[in-house]
């Protein structure tokens, strides 16, 4: 995914809140989608869960009604009695 090249991963890992505050909502959500792809589809996460959570939490605070948050919830499916993405 060549889109990943436009992000400075080391800077994001060091200061996820700065990234979440300084980026546009659309760009932040795009980054979360990329992070989800690498986590679930490649088994090679690009950021830790805690970095992801910090970015997601701040973006939700900035744009709580963004349709992406409901899309993420709808993507959860019931597997063996537990919720999985």
Protein backbone atom coordinates (compact mmCIF):
# COMPACT_ATOMS: atom_id res chain seq x y z
CA UNK A 1 0.00 0.00 0.00
CA UNK A 2 1.87 3.00 -1.31
CA UNK A 3 -0.39 5.35 0.66
CA UNK A 4 1.58 4.45 3.75
CA UNK A 5 4.62 6.32 2.39
CA UNK A 6 2.95 9.67 2.97
CA UNK A 7 2.96 9.11 6.75
CA UNK A 8 5.96 9.50 9.03
CA UNK A 9 5.42 6.36 11.10
CA UNK A 10 8.25 7.04 13.53
CA UNK A 11 6.87 10.48 14.33
CA UNK A 12 3.35 9.11 14.72
CA UNK A 13 4.59 6.36 17.05
CA UNK A 14 6.48 8.88 19.18
CA UNK A 15 3.64 11.38 19.41
CA UNK A 16 0.28 9.97 18.33
CA UNK A 17 -1.69 12.79 19.97
CA UNK A 18 0.20 15.43 17.97
CA UNK A 19 -0.64 13.55 14.78
CA UNK A 20 -4.30 13.24 15.81
CA UNK A 21 -4.51 16.95 16.67
CA UNK A 22 -2.64 18.26 13.62
CA UNK A 23 -4.07 16.08 10.85
CA UNK A 24 -7.42 16.50 9.13
CA UNK A 25 -10.18 14.13 10.20
CA UNK A 26 -10.18 12.54 6.74
CA UNK A 27 -6.42 11.98 6.80
CA UNK A 28 -6.54 10.58 10.33
CA UNK A 29 -9.30 8.16 9.43
CA UNK A 30 -7.42 7.13 6.30
CA UNK A 31 -4.42 6.37 8.50
CA UNK A 32 -6.57 4.26 10.86
CA UNK A 33 -7.89 2.33 7.86
CA UNK A 34 -4.32 1.64 6.74
CA UNK A 35 -3.39 0.56 10.26
CA UNK A 36 -6.38 -1.79 10.31
CA UNK A 37 -5.36 -3.25 6.96
CA UNK A 38 -1.82 -3.99 8.12
CA UNK A 39 -3.03 -5.37 11.45
CA UNK A 40 -5.71 -7.70 10.10
CA UNK A 41 -4.54 -8.54 6.58
CA UNK A 42 -0.74 -8.71 6.75
CA UNK A 43 0.01 -9.78 10.31
CA UNK A 44 2.56 -6.92 10.35
CA UNK A 45 1.08 -4.04 12.35
CA UNK A 46 2.48 -0.62 11.55
CA UNK A 47 1.66 0.82 14.99
CA UNK A 48 0.94 -0.59 18.43
CA UNK A 49 -2.57 -0.98 19.80
CA UNK A 50 -1.96 1.83 22.29
CA UNK A 51 -0.88 4.26 19.53
CA UNK A 52 -3.94 3.29 17.47
CA UNK A 53 -6.23 3.79 20.48
CA UNK A 54 -4.82 7.25 21.24
CA UNK A 55 -5.31 8.40 17.65
CA UNK A 56 -8.79 6.92 17.44
CA UNK A 57 -9.88 8.42 20.76
CA UNK A 58 -8.75 11.92 19.84
CA UNK A 59 -10.27 11.78 16.36
CA UNK A 60 -13.56 10.62 17.90
CA UNK A 61 -13.46 13.61 20.23
CA UNK A 62 -12.91 15.93 17.26
CA UNK A 63 -15.58 14.32 15.07
CA UNK A 64 -17.89 12.11 17.15
CA UNK A 65 -20.59 11.81 14.48
CA UNK A 66 -18.28 10.77 11.67
CA UNK A 67 -19.77 7.83 9.79
CA UNK A 68 -16.49 5.91 10.03
CA UNK A 69 -17.11 5.11 13.71
CA UNK A 70 -20.40 3.38 12.90
CA UNK A 71 -18.78 1.55 9.97
CA UNK A 72 -16.16 0.14 12.33
CA UNK A 73 -18.83 -1.10 14.75
CA UNK A 74 -20.84 -2.66 11.91
CA UNK A 75 -17.72 -4.49 10.69
CA UNK A 76 -17.59 -6.55 13.87
CA UNK A 77 -18.97 -10.03 13.36
CA UNK A 78 -19.81 -12.78 15.77
CA UNK A 79 -17.20 -15.56 15.60
CA UNK A 80 -17.22 -18.44 18.05
CA UNK A 81 -19.15 -16.40 20.58
CA UNK A 82 -16.66 -13.51 20.54
CA UNK A 83 -16.62 -10.33 18.51
CA UNK A 84 -13.88 -10.09 15.91
CA UNK A 85 -13.14 -7.60 13.17
